[in-house]
N, C-alpha and C. Protein backbone atom coordinates (compact mmCIF):
# COMPACT_ATOMS: atom_id res chain seq x y z
N MET A 1 51.60 21.45 50.64
CA MET A 1 52.17 21.19 49.33
C MET A 1 51.11 21.43 48.27
N THR A 2 51.55 21.93 47.16
CA THR A 2 50.65 22.20 46.05
C THR A 2 51.31 21.79 44.73
N THR A 3 50.51 21.70 43.71
CA THR A 3 51.00 21.40 42.38
C THR A 3 50.26 22.31 41.41
N HIS A 4 50.79 22.42 40.21
CA HIS A 4 50.07 23.23 39.23
C HIS A 4 48.83 22.47 38.77
N ILE A 5 47.94 23.14 38.07
CA ILE A 5 46.74 22.47 37.56
C ILE A 5 47.17 21.43 36.55
N ASN A 6 46.62 20.25 36.70
CA ASN A 6 46.92 19.15 35.80
C ASN A 6 45.64 18.74 35.10
N LYS A 7 45.66 18.77 33.80
CA LYS A 7 44.49 18.37 33.03
C LYS A 7 44.67 16.93 32.58
N ARG A 8 43.62 16.17 32.71
CA ARG A 8 43.63 14.80 32.22
C ARG A 8 42.66 14.71 31.05
N TYR A 9 43.15 14.21 29.96
CA TYR A 9 42.32 14.04 28.77
C TYR A 9 41.82 12.60 28.72
N SER A 10 40.72 12.39 28.04
CA SER A 10 40.07 11.07 28.03
C SER A 10 40.96 9.96 27.50
N ASP A 11 41.90 10.28 26.64
CA ASP A 11 42.77 9.24 26.09
C ASP A 11 44.05 9.04 26.90
N GLU A 12 44.16 9.69 28.04
CA GLU A 12 45.35 9.58 28.88
C GLU A 12 45.06 8.77 30.13
N SER A 13 46.05 8.06 30.56
CA SER A 13 45.94 7.24 31.76
C SER A 13 46.00 8.13 33.01
N LEU A 14 45.13 7.86 33.95
CA LEU A 14 45.15 8.58 35.22
C LEU A 14 46.48 8.33 35.94
N TRP A 15 47.00 7.12 35.83
CA TRP A 15 48.24 6.77 36.51
C TRP A 15 49.42 7.57 35.96
N LEU A 16 49.42 7.82 34.67
CA LEU A 16 50.47 8.63 34.07
C LEU A 16 50.43 10.05 34.65
N LEU A 17 49.24 10.59 34.77
CA LEU A 17 49.07 11.92 35.35
C LEU A 17 49.57 11.93 36.80
N LEU A 18 49.17 10.94 37.57
CA LEU A 18 49.57 10.89 38.98
C LEU A 18 51.08 10.70 39.14
N ASP A 19 51.68 9.92 38.27
CA ASP A 19 53.13 9.69 38.34
C ASP A 19 53.93 10.95 38.02
N ASP A 20 53.36 11.85 37.25
CA ASP A 20 54.06 13.07 36.84
C ASP A 20 53.84 14.27 37.78
N LEU A 21 53.07 14.10 38.84
CA LEU A 21 52.81 15.23 39.74
C LEU A 21 54.09 15.70 40.41
N LYS A 22 54.26 17.01 40.45
CA LYS A 22 55.39 17.63 41.13
C LYS A 22 54.83 18.63 42.13
N PHE A 23 55.34 18.60 43.34
CA PHE A 23 54.80 19.42 44.40
C PHE A 23 55.81 20.45 44.89
N VAL A 24 55.27 21.57 45.35
CA VAL A 24 56.06 22.65 45.93
C VAL A 24 55.32 23.12 47.18
N ASN A 25 56.07 23.47 48.21
CA ASN A 25 55.44 24.00 49.42
C ASN A 25 55.13 25.48 49.19
N ALA A 26 53.87 25.77 48.98
CA ALA A 26 53.44 27.15 48.71
C ALA A 26 52.48 27.66 49.79
N LEU A 27 52.44 26.99 50.91
CA LEU A 27 51.47 27.37 51.94
C LEU A 27 51.74 28.76 52.53
N HIS A 28 52.97 29.23 52.44
CA HIS A 28 53.28 30.58 52.95
C HIS A 28 52.85 31.66 51.96
N HIS A 29 52.30 31.26 50.84
CA HIS A 29 51.93 32.21 49.79
C HIS A 29 50.42 32.28 49.57
N ILE A 30 49.66 31.82 50.53
CA ILE A 30 48.20 31.89 50.43
C ILE A 30 47.77 33.35 50.53
N ARG A 31 46.97 33.79 49.56
CA ARG A 31 46.47 35.17 49.54
C ARG A 31 44.98 35.14 49.30
N ASN A 32 44.26 35.90 50.08
CA ASN A 32 42.80 35.96 49.95
C ASN A 32 42.18 34.56 49.96
N GLY A 33 42.73 33.68 50.77
CA GLY A 33 42.21 32.32 50.88
C GLY A 33 42.53 31.42 49.71
N ARG A 34 43.43 31.84 48.85
CA ARG A 34 43.76 31.06 47.65
C ARG A 34 45.16 30.48 47.76
N ILE A 35 45.24 29.18 47.57
CA ILE A 35 46.53 28.51 47.52
C ILE A 35 47.02 28.58 46.07
N PRO A 36 48.19 29.15 45.83
CA PRO A 36 48.65 29.25 44.44
C PRO A 36 48.94 27.87 43.85
N LYS A 37 48.52 27.70 42.63
CA LYS A 37 48.69 26.42 41.93
C LYS A 37 50.02 26.46 41.18
N ILE A 38 51.09 26.15 41.91
CA ILE A 38 52.41 26.11 41.30
C ILE A 38 53.01 24.73 41.51
N GLY A 39 53.88 24.33 40.60
CA GLY A 39 54.40 22.97 40.67
C GLY A 39 55.90 22.85 40.52
N ASN A 40 56.63 23.97 40.57
CA ASN A 40 58.09 23.84 40.51
C ASN A 40 58.74 25.05 41.17
N GLU A 41 60.03 24.91 41.41
CA GLU A 41 60.78 25.94 42.12
C GLU A 41 60.91 27.24 41.33
N ILE A 42 60.92 27.16 40.01
CA ILE A 42 61.00 28.38 39.20
C ILE A 42 59.77 29.24 39.44
N GLU A 43 58.59 28.63 39.39
CA GLU A 43 57.35 29.38 39.65
C GLU A 43 57.34 29.93 41.07
N LEU A 44 57.82 29.15 42.01
CA LEU A 44 57.88 29.61 43.40
C LEU A 44 58.79 30.83 43.51
N GLY A 45 59.91 30.81 42.81
CA GLY A 45 60.83 31.96 42.82
C GLY A 45 60.20 33.21 42.23
N ILE A 46 59.47 33.04 41.13
CA ILE A 46 58.79 34.19 40.51
C ILE A 46 57.75 34.76 41.48
N LEU A 47 56.98 33.88 42.10
CA LEU A 47 55.97 34.33 43.05
C LEU A 47 56.61 35.06 44.23
N CYS A 48 57.72 34.55 44.73
CA CYS A 48 58.43 35.22 45.84
C CYS A 48 58.88 36.63 45.43
N LYS A 49 59.39 36.78 44.22
CA LYS A 49 59.81 38.10 43.74
C LYS A 49 58.63 39.05 43.64
N LEU A 50 57.51 38.56 43.13
CA LEU A 50 56.32 39.41 43.03
C LEU A 50 55.85 39.86 44.41
N GLU A 51 55.92 38.98 45.37
CA GLU A 51 55.43 39.30 46.71
C GLU A 51 56.30 40.30 47.45
N ARG A 52 57.51 40.53 46.96
CA ARG A 52 58.37 41.55 47.57
C ARG A 52 57.85 42.96 47.29
N CYS A 53 57.07 43.10 46.27
CA CYS A 53 56.48 44.40 45.92
C CYS A 53 55.32 44.66 46.88
N VAL A 54 55.37 45.77 47.58
CA VAL A 54 54.35 46.04 48.59
C VAL A 54 53.12 46.74 48.03
N THR A 55 53.22 47.32 46.83
CA THR A 55 52.06 47.99 46.25
C THR A 55 51.38 47.08 45.23
N THR A 56 50.07 47.22 45.14
CA THR A 56 49.28 46.41 44.22
C THR A 56 48.40 47.31 43.37
N ILE A 57 47.72 46.71 42.43
CA ILE A 57 46.78 47.46 41.59
C ILE A 57 45.76 48.19 42.46
N LYS A 58 45.35 47.56 43.54
CA LYS A 58 44.35 48.18 44.42
C LYS A 58 44.84 49.53 44.96
N ASP A 59 46.13 49.67 45.11
CA ASP A 59 46.70 50.91 45.64
C ASP A 59 46.60 52.09 44.68
N VAL A 60 46.32 51.84 43.41
CA VAL A 60 46.18 52.94 42.45
C VAL A 60 44.73 53.14 42.02
N TYR A 61 43.82 52.45 42.70
CA TYR A 61 42.39 52.66 42.43
C TYR A 61 42.00 54.09 42.78
N LYS A 62 41.00 54.60 42.08
CA LYS A 62 40.41 55.89 42.42
C LYS A 62 38.97 55.87 41.95
N ARG A 63 38.06 56.14 42.85
CA ARG A 63 36.62 56.06 42.55
C ARG A 63 36.23 56.89 41.32
N GLU A 64 36.81 58.06 41.19
CA GLU A 64 36.50 58.94 40.06
C GLU A 64 37.62 58.93 39.02
N GLY A 65 38.41 57.87 38.99
CA GLY A 65 39.54 57.79 38.08
C GLY A 65 39.15 57.39 36.67
N LEU A 66 40.16 57.07 35.87
CA LEU A 66 39.94 56.64 34.49
C LEU A 66 39.74 55.12 34.45
N PRO A 67 38.90 54.66 33.53
CA PRO A 67 38.56 53.24 33.52
C PRO A 67 39.57 52.35 32.80
N ILE A 68 39.65 51.14 33.29
CA ILE A 68 40.30 50.02 32.62
C ILE A 68 39.21 48.96 32.52
N TYR A 69 38.95 48.48 31.33
CA TYR A 69 37.92 47.47 31.11
C TYR A 69 38.58 46.10 30.95
N TYR A 70 37.92 45.09 31.47
CA TYR A 70 38.47 43.75 31.38
C TYR A 70 37.34 42.73 31.19
N ARG A 71 37.68 41.64 30.58
CA ARG A 71 36.71 40.57 30.35
C ARG A 71 36.65 39.71 31.61
N LYS A 72 35.48 39.67 32.25
CA LYS A 72 35.31 38.95 33.51
C LYS A 72 35.13 37.45 33.34
N ALA A 73 34.56 37.04 32.21
CA ALA A 73 34.25 35.62 32.02
C ALA A 73 34.44 35.25 30.56
N GLY A 74 34.64 33.98 30.34
CA GLY A 74 34.83 33.50 28.98
C GLY A 74 36.21 33.84 28.48
N GLY A 75 36.40 33.74 27.20
CA GLY A 75 37.68 34.09 26.61
C GLY A 75 38.71 32.97 26.64
N ARG A 76 38.39 31.88 27.30
CA ARG A 76 39.28 30.73 27.40
C ARG A 76 40.68 31.13 27.80
N TYR A 77 41.61 31.13 26.87
CA TYR A 77 43.01 31.35 27.22
C TYR A 77 43.44 32.81 27.10
N TYR A 78 42.54 33.72 26.87
CA TYR A 78 42.93 35.12 26.78
C TYR A 78 42.01 35.98 27.64
N LYS A 79 42.52 37.07 28.08
CA LYS A 79 41.76 38.06 28.84
C LYS A 79 41.97 39.39 28.15
N ILE A 80 40.88 40.07 27.87
CA ILE A 80 40.97 41.35 27.16
C ILE A 80 41.05 42.48 28.19
N ILE A 81 42.09 43.30 28.08
CA ILE A 81 42.28 44.46 28.94
C ILE A 81 42.39 45.67 28.01
N THR A 82 41.56 46.68 28.22
CA THR A 82 41.57 47.83 27.31
C THR A 82 41.09 49.10 28.02
N LYS A 83 41.38 50.23 27.41
CA LYS A 83 40.87 51.51 27.91
C LYS A 83 39.55 51.87 27.23
N ILE A 84 39.14 51.08 26.27
CA ILE A 84 37.92 51.34 25.50
C ILE A 84 36.90 50.24 25.81
N PRO A 85 35.68 50.59 26.17
CA PRO A 85 34.69 49.55 26.49
C PRO A 85 34.28 48.75 25.24
N THR A 86 34.01 47.48 25.45
CA THR A 86 33.50 46.62 24.37
C THR A 86 31.99 46.47 24.48
N HIS A 87 31.44 46.86 25.61
CA HIS A 87 30.01 46.77 25.90
C HIS A 87 29.53 45.33 25.97
N SER A 88 30.44 44.43 26.26
CA SER A 88 30.09 43.02 26.44
C SER A 88 29.42 42.85 27.80
N SER A 89 28.51 41.90 27.89
CA SER A 89 27.87 41.62 29.18
C SER A 89 28.87 41.00 30.17
N ALA A 90 30.00 40.52 29.67
CA ALA A 90 31.02 39.93 30.52
C ALA A 90 32.15 40.91 30.83
N GLU A 91 31.88 42.20 30.63
CA GLU A 91 32.92 43.21 30.83
C GLU A 91 32.86 43.79 32.24
N GLY A 92 34.02 43.91 32.86
CA GLY A 92 34.12 44.57 34.15
C GLY A 92 34.91 45.86 33.99
N GLU A 93 34.87 46.69 35.02
CA GLU A 93 35.56 47.98 34.97
C GLU A 93 36.22 48.25 36.30
N LEU A 94 37.43 48.76 36.25
CA LEU A 94 38.06 49.28 37.45
C LEU A 94 38.55 50.68 37.11
N LYS A 95 38.58 51.52 38.10
CA LYS A 95 39.01 52.91 37.86
C LYS A 95 40.29 53.16 38.64
N VAL A 96 41.23 53.79 37.94
CA VAL A 96 42.53 54.06 38.53
C VAL A 96 42.88 55.53 38.37
N ARG A 97 43.84 55.97 39.17
CA ARG A 97 44.31 57.34 39.02
C ARG A 97 44.78 57.57 37.60
N GLU A 98 44.48 58.74 37.08
CA GLU A 98 44.73 59.04 35.67
C GLU A 98 46.16 58.71 35.23
N LYS A 99 47.13 59.08 36.04
CA LYS A 99 48.52 58.88 35.62
C LYS A 99 48.91 57.41 35.54
N TYR A 100 48.11 56.53 36.13
CA TYR A 100 48.44 55.10 36.13
C TYR A 100 47.63 54.28 35.13
N GLN A 101 46.75 54.91 34.38
CA GLN A 101 45.87 54.14 33.49
C GLN A 101 46.66 53.28 32.50
N SER A 102 47.61 53.85 31.80
CA SER A 102 48.38 53.09 30.81
C SER A 102 49.26 52.04 31.48
N LEU A 103 49.86 52.38 32.61
CA LEU A 103 50.71 51.44 33.34
C LEU A 103 49.89 50.22 33.78
N VAL A 104 48.73 50.46 34.35
CA VAL A 104 47.87 49.36 34.80
C VAL A 104 47.40 48.53 33.61
N GLY A 105 46.99 49.20 32.54
CA GLY A 105 46.57 48.47 31.34
C GLY A 105 47.67 47.58 30.80
N ALA A 106 48.89 48.10 30.76
CA ALA A 106 50.02 47.32 30.27
C ALA A 106 50.34 46.16 31.20
N ALA A 107 50.33 46.42 32.50
CA ALA A 107 50.63 45.36 33.47
C ALA A 107 49.61 44.22 33.39
N LEU A 108 48.33 44.58 33.27
CA LEU A 108 47.28 43.56 33.21
C LEU A 108 47.23 42.85 31.86
N SER A 109 47.88 43.40 30.86
CA SER A 109 47.95 42.77 29.54
C SER A 109 49.20 41.90 29.38
N SER A 110 50.00 41.81 30.42
CA SER A 110 51.28 41.11 30.34
C SER A 110 51.13 39.60 30.55
N ASN A 111 52.12 38.88 30.06
CA ASN A 111 52.18 37.44 30.31
C ASN A 111 52.32 37.16 31.80
N LEU A 112 53.01 38.04 32.51
CA LEU A 112 53.20 37.86 33.94
C LEU A 112 51.86 37.90 34.67
N PHE A 113 51.01 38.86 34.33
CA PHE A 113 49.70 38.90 34.97
C PHE A 113 48.88 37.66 34.61
N TYR A 114 48.94 37.24 33.36
CA TYR A 114 48.19 36.05 32.95
C TYR A 114 48.62 34.84 33.77
N TRP A 115 49.91 34.66 33.96
CA TRP A 115 50.41 33.56 34.81
C TRP A 115 49.92 33.74 36.24
N PHE A 116 50.02 34.96 36.76
CA PHE A 116 49.57 35.25 38.13
C PHE A 116 48.09 34.90 38.28
N TRP A 117 47.31 35.27 37.26
CA TRP A 117 45.88 34.97 37.29
C TRP A 117 45.66 33.46 37.27
N LEU A 118 46.39 32.72 36.43
CA LEU A 118 46.23 31.27 36.35
C LEU A 118 46.48 30.59 37.68
N ILE A 119 47.51 31.01 38.41
CA ILE A 119 47.83 30.31 39.65
C ILE A 119 46.90 30.68 40.81
N HIS A 120 46.14 31.77 40.67
CA HIS A 120 45.24 32.19 41.74
C HIS A 120 43.76 32.05 41.41
N SER A 121 43.42 31.63 40.22
CA SER A 121 42.02 31.69 39.78
C SER A 121 41.43 30.30 39.55
N ASP A 122 40.19 30.32 39.08
CA ASP A 122 39.52 29.08 38.69
C ASP A 122 39.70 28.78 37.20
N TRP A 123 40.47 29.58 36.51
CA TRP A 123 40.79 29.47 35.09
C TRP A 123 39.62 29.82 34.18
N HIS A 124 38.52 30.32 34.73
CA HIS A 124 37.36 30.68 33.92
C HIS A 124 37.00 32.15 34.07
N ASN A 125 37.02 32.65 35.28
CA ASN A 125 36.54 34.00 35.57
C ASN A 125 37.68 34.88 36.07
N LEU A 126 37.66 36.12 35.65
CA LEU A 126 38.63 37.10 36.13
C LEU A 126 37.90 37.99 37.13
N ARG A 127 38.23 37.81 38.39
CA ARG A 127 37.55 38.54 39.46
C ARG A 127 38.35 39.79 39.84
N SER A 128 37.63 40.77 40.35
CA SER A 128 38.29 42.02 40.74
C SER A 128 39.34 41.77 41.82
N SER A 129 39.12 40.79 42.69
CA SER A 129 40.10 40.50 43.74
C SER A 129 41.42 40.02 43.16
N GLU A 130 41.37 39.33 42.02
CA GLU A 130 42.61 38.87 41.36
C GLU A 130 43.35 40.05 40.73
N LEU A 131 42.60 41.02 40.23
CA LEU A 131 43.22 42.23 39.71
C LEU A 131 43.85 43.03 40.84
N GLU A 132 43.10 43.19 41.92
CA GLU A 132 43.53 44.01 43.05
C GLU A 132 44.82 43.53 43.68
N MET A 133 45.04 42.23 43.73
CA MET A 133 46.21 41.72 44.45
C MET A 133 47.45 41.60 43.58
N PHE A 134 47.36 41.98 42.29
CA PHE A 134 48.54 41.90 41.43
C PHE A 134 49.52 43.00 41.81
N PRO A 135 50.77 42.64 42.11
CA PRO A 135 51.78 43.64 42.50
C PRO A 135 52.16 44.55 41.34
N ILE A 136 52.38 45.81 41.67
CA ILE A 136 52.81 46.77 40.65
C ILE A 136 53.69 47.82 41.34
N HIS A 137 54.84 48.09 40.78
CA HIS A 137 55.77 49.07 41.35
C HIS A 137 55.40 50.47 40.87
N SER A 138 54.23 50.93 41.20
CA SER A 138 53.74 52.21 40.69
C SER A 138 54.60 53.39 41.13
N ASN A 139 55.18 53.32 42.29
CA ASN A 139 55.97 54.45 42.80
C ASN A 139 57.38 54.50 42.20
N HIS A 140 57.75 53.54 41.36
CA HIS A 140 59.07 53.53 40.73
C HIS A 140 59.08 54.22 39.37
N PHE A 141 57.94 54.72 38.94
CA PHE A 141 57.83 55.34 37.62
C PHE A 141 57.73 56.84 37.75
N GLN A 142 58.49 57.56 36.93
CA GLN A 142 58.43 59.01 36.92
C GLN A 142 57.20 59.45 36.12
N MET A 143 56.64 60.58 36.50
CA MET A 143 55.44 61.10 35.86
C MET A 143 55.59 61.21 34.34
N LYS A 144 56.74 61.67 33.87
CA LYS A 144 56.93 61.85 32.42
C LYS A 144 56.84 60.52 31.68
N ASN A 145 57.21 59.43 32.32
CA ASN A 145 57.12 58.11 31.69
C ASN A 145 55.72 57.52 31.78
N LEU A 146 54.98 57.90 32.80
CA LEU A 146 53.63 57.37 32.99
C LEU A 146 52.64 57.91 31.97
N ILE A 147 52.85 59.15 31.52
CA ILE A 147 51.86 59.74 30.62
C ILE A 147 52.19 59.53 29.14
N LYS A 148 53.24 58.80 28.84
CA LYS A 148 53.59 58.51 27.44
C LYS A 148 52.61 57.54 26.83
């Protein structure tokens, strides 16, 4: 059983936090040794739908491909995903096949990816493994739509 991340603030009672805990059985959804931090059936349903997709960002990687830059650390509640480097010391890079650069950039800039990252991460750092395991239906897009 798992629950979503629960923050306790100094002016809040620990008992109130404990009384409000909601659990979901997410043990069948462990990926890369990570138990997803979800706390209700709606989140479980979304995760199940994502897991039906067999292709991930890792499947469109290419060593000599075009770059997608991302903020690896900091940023609190936002993650910067761009095709243009910021030259920050906290910037990471992944390379994808040319035709998928915009698709991957858009997918990683979505609210869905941000939620996916929250349930699988430490809430501070964006690791390449979290990018790699994000599902993407890359084979469902026609070439003419990918290069727009």
